[in-house]
């Protein structure tokens, strides 16, 4: 979703222009992506890989 076509409820101008504090906050929130600039799907994928590796390491150590 982009803020290109959204209209601010406070100032009635396009959010992309950032004319009021609410517009600027909404625009910043929409353009902020995930943890450390990574997409949420990539963060979840990395966590799953880390979990899988820890389970494999635990299985190998326990054998």
Protein backbone atom coordinates (compact mmCIF):
# COMPACT_ATOMS: atom_id res chain seq x y z
CA UNK A 1 0.00 0.00 0.00
CA UNK A 2 1.27 3.47 -0.75
CA UNK A 3 0.25 6.85 0.60
CA UNK A 4 0.11 8.38 -2.87
CA UNK A 5 -3.70 8.36 -3.08
CA UNK A 6 -4.58 8.69 0.62
CA UNK A 7 -6.15 11.90 1.92
CA UNK A 8 -5.44 13.11 5.45
CA UNK A 9 -8.47 13.38 7.74
CA UNK A 10 -6.95 16.35 9.56
CA UNK A 11 -5.86 18.69 6.74
CA UNK A 12 -7.70 17.13 3.73
CA UNK A 13 -4.54 17.11 1.58
CA UNK A 14 -2.72 14.11 0.12
CA UNK A 15 -0.69 12.27 2.77
CA UNK A 16 2.27 12.08 0.38
CA UNK A 17 2.69 15.86 0.67
CA UNK A 18 3.10 15.71 4.46
CA UNK A 19 1.52 19.12 5.15
CA UNK A 20 0.57 18.47 8.77
CA UNK A 21 2.12 16.42 11.62
CA UNK A 22 -0.47 13.67 11.16
CA UNK A 23 0.37 13.36 7.44
CA UNK A 24 4.09 13.20 8.18
CA UNK A 25 3.61 10.56 10.90
CA UNK A 26 1.35 8.43 8.67
CA UNK A 27 3.74 8.70 5.74
CA UNK A 28 6.70 7.72 7.94
CA UNK A 29 4.80 4.77 9.44
CA UNK A 30 3.81 3.49 5.98
CA UNK A 31 7.34 3.77 4.63
CA UNK A 32 8.95 2.13 7.65
CA UNK A 33 9.57 -1.50 6.76
CA UNK A 34 10.09 -4.19 9.34
CA UNK A 35 13.03 -4.65 11.68
CA UNK A 36 16.29 -2.90 10.67
CA UNK A 37 14.91 -2.06 7.24
CA UNK A 38 14.10 -5.70 6.41
CA UNK A 39 10.69 -6.80 5.24
CA UNK A 40 8.55 -8.58 7.84
CA UNK A 41 8.48 -11.74 5.71
CA UNK A 42 12.28 -11.82 5.58
CA UNK A 43 12.54 -11.35 9.35
CA UNK A 44 10.12 -14.24 9.94
CA UNK A 45 12.04 -16.40 7.46
CA UNK A 46 15.34 -15.69 9.18
CA UNK A 47 13.84 -16.53 12.57
CA UNK A 48 12.51 -19.82 11.22
CA UNK A 49 15.92 -20.73 9.77
CA UNK A 50 17.55 -19.88 13.09
CA UNK A 51 15.03 -22.05 14.95
CA UNK A 52 15.60 -24.92 12.52
CA UNK A 53 19.38 -24.68 12.91
CA UNK A 54 19.11 -24.66 16.70
CA UNK A 55 16.88 -27.75 16.63
CA UNK A 56 19.31 -29.57 14.36
CA UNK A 57 22.26 -28.61 16.57
CA UNK A 58 20.42 -29.78 19.68
CA UNK A 59 19.57 -33.09 18.01
CA UNK A 60 23.18 -33.66 16.96
CA UNK A 61 24.58 -32.83 20.39
CA UNK A 62 22.05 -35.06 22.12
CA UNK A 63 22.86 -38.07 19.91
